[in-house]
Protein backbone atom coordinates (compact mmCIF):
# COMPACT_ATOMS: atom_id res chain seq x y z
CA MET A 1 133.41 56.30 66.30
CA ASN A 2 132.46 59.46 67.85
CA GLU A 3 129.10 59.48 69.70
CA PRO A 4 126.96 62.55 69.03
CA VAL A 5 127.19 65.07 71.82
CA HIS A 6 123.98 66.03 73.40
CA ASP A 7 123.57 69.44 74.84
CA LEU A 8 121.71 68.41 78.01
CA THR A 9 121.15 72.04 79.06
CA ALA A 10 119.50 72.97 75.78
CA GLU A 11 117.36 69.91 75.90
CA GLY A 12 116.34 70.55 79.50
CA GLN A 13 115.44 74.17 78.51
CA ALA A 14 113.39 73.04 75.57
CA ARG A 15 111.49 70.56 77.63
CA TYR A 16 110.80 73.15 80.36
CA GLN A 17 109.61 75.63 77.70
CA GLN A 18 107.32 73.00 76.23
CA TRP A 19 105.88 72.14 79.63
CA ARG A 20 105.43 75.91 80.43
CA ASP A 21 103.70 76.54 77.13
CA THR A 22 101.34 73.66 77.67
CA LEU A 23 100.60 74.75 81.20
CA LEU A 24 100.01 78.32 80.29
CA ALA A 25 97.67 77.40 77.35
CA ASP A 26 95.00 76.66 80.04
CA PRO A 27 93.47 80.01 81.10
CA GLU A 28 92.90 78.93 84.82
CA ALA A 29 96.48 77.61 85.06
CA ARG A 30 97.72 80.87 83.51
CA ARG A 31 95.77 82.94 86.04
CA LEU A 32 97.07 80.94 89.00
CA TYR A 33 100.68 81.08 87.67
CA ALA A 34 100.46 84.87 87.34
CA GLU A 35 98.96 85.14 90.83
CA GLU A 36 101.61 83.01 92.44
CA ALA A 37 104.39 84.91 90.63
CA ALA A 38 103.01 88.26 91.77
CA LYS A 39 102.85 86.87 95.39
CA ALA A 40 106.41 85.82 95.13
CA ASP A 41 107.39 89.31 94.09
CA LEU A 42 105.67 90.97 97.04
CA TRP A 43 108.15 89.65 99.64
CA LEU A 44 110.97 91.09 97.54
CA GLN A 45 109.28 94.44 97.14
CA LEU A 46 108.94 94.69 100.91
CA VAL A 47 112.54 93.86 101.56
CA GLU A 48 113.71 96.33 98.84
CA ALA A 49 111.42 99.05 100.21
CA ARG A 50 112.78 98.62 103.80
CA GLN A 51 116.34 98.61 102.53
CA ALA A 52 115.70 101.68 100.46
CA VAL A 53 114.86 103.71 103.53
CA GLY A 54 117.80 102.21 105.41
CA LEU A 55 115.89 100.29 108.14
CA THR A 56 116.69 96.86 109.70
CA GLN A 57 114.13 94.26 110.38
CA HIS A 58 114.55 95.00 114.06
CA GLN A 59 113.78 98.71 113.50
CA VAL A 60 110.64 97.99 111.48
CA ALA A 61 109.58 95.52 114.29
CA GLU A 62 109.96 98.13 116.92
CA ARG A 63 107.96 100.63 114.84
CA MET A 64 105.16 98.03 114.41
CA GLY A 65 105.37 96.72 117.95
CA VAL A 66 106.03 93.18 116.88
CA SER A 67 109.03 90.84 117.05
CA GLN A 68 111.92 90.82 114.56
CA ALA A 69 110.95 87.29 113.80
CA GLN A 70 107.50 88.46 112.56
CA ILE A 71 109.10 90.86 110.23
CA ALA A 72 111.40 88.09 108.92
CA ARG A 73 108.37 85.93 108.36
CA ILE A 74 106.60 88.78 106.40
CA GLU A 75 109.73 89.25 104.26
CA LYS A 76 110.20 85.45 103.72
CA ARG A 77 110.13 84.27 100.13
CA GLY A 78 106.90 82.33 99.49
CA TYR A 79 105.06 83.82 102.56
CA ASP A 80 101.44 84.49 101.37
CA ALA A 81 99.44 84.96 104.51
CA TYR A 82 99.54 88.75 104.36
CA THR A 83 96.67 90.69 105.67
CA LEU A 84 95.80 94.12 104.37
CA ARG A 85 96.25 95.50 107.97
CA THR A 86 99.74 93.96 108.31
CA LEU A 87 100.79 95.36 104.92
CA ARG A 88 99.52 98.83 105.78
CA ARG A 89 101.30 98.74 109.17
CA TYR A 90 104.48 97.54 107.58
CA LEU A 91 104.47 100.37 105.11
CA GLU A 92 103.55 102.98 107.74
CA ALA A 93 106.57 101.80 109.67
CA LEU A 94 108.72 102.54 106.64
CA GLY A 95 107.57 106.16 106.49
CA ASP A 96 105.59 108.07 103.91
CA LYS A 97 107.60 107.13 100.79
CA PHE A 98 105.64 104.12 99.79
CA ILE A 99 102.03 103.22 99.01
CA LEU A 100 100.29 99.86 98.70
CA GLU A 101 98.36 99.39 95.44
CA ILE A 102 95.84 96.61 94.90
CA ALA A 103 94.31 96.49 91.42
CA ILE A 104 91.17 94.83 90.36
CA LYS A 105 90.86 94.48 86.56
CA HIS A 106 87.91 92.92 84.79
CA GLY A 107 86.75 91.01 87.83
CA GLU A 108 90.18 89.51 88.53
CA THR A 109 91.99 90.36 91.72
CA HIS A 110 95.69 90.98 91.42
CA PRO A 111 97.98 90.61 94.39
CA PRO A 112 99.08 93.81 96.03
CA HIS A 113 102.37 95.53 95.23
CA VAL A 114 104.45 98.28 96.83
CA VAL A 115 104.99 101.56 94.94
CA ALA A 116 107.49 104.31 95.81
CA ARG A 117 106.14 107.74 95.81
């Protein structure tokens, strides 16, 4: 007899979707999830902005007067200890093609993001 074949990938995706839907049904969990997702995106926006102007981490570090290791930390996935001053200095080092936007909507703070001019 042939055993039924289970699509483990589909089952895993369905379980994940059910877990995510349950998690996001809670407004506070949904807010935290969105905040963390936005933070995760900031590091990538910084890297993409730097690459768009053709600078290396070392060049940005020189312009900011810091070490290349500090730039690597700022651009590291999951890093979330940004200060507004550091973000401003980083973007100034890239030139005048980018701005930093921080939006506050209905009393909720949204993480910053980089916008090209």
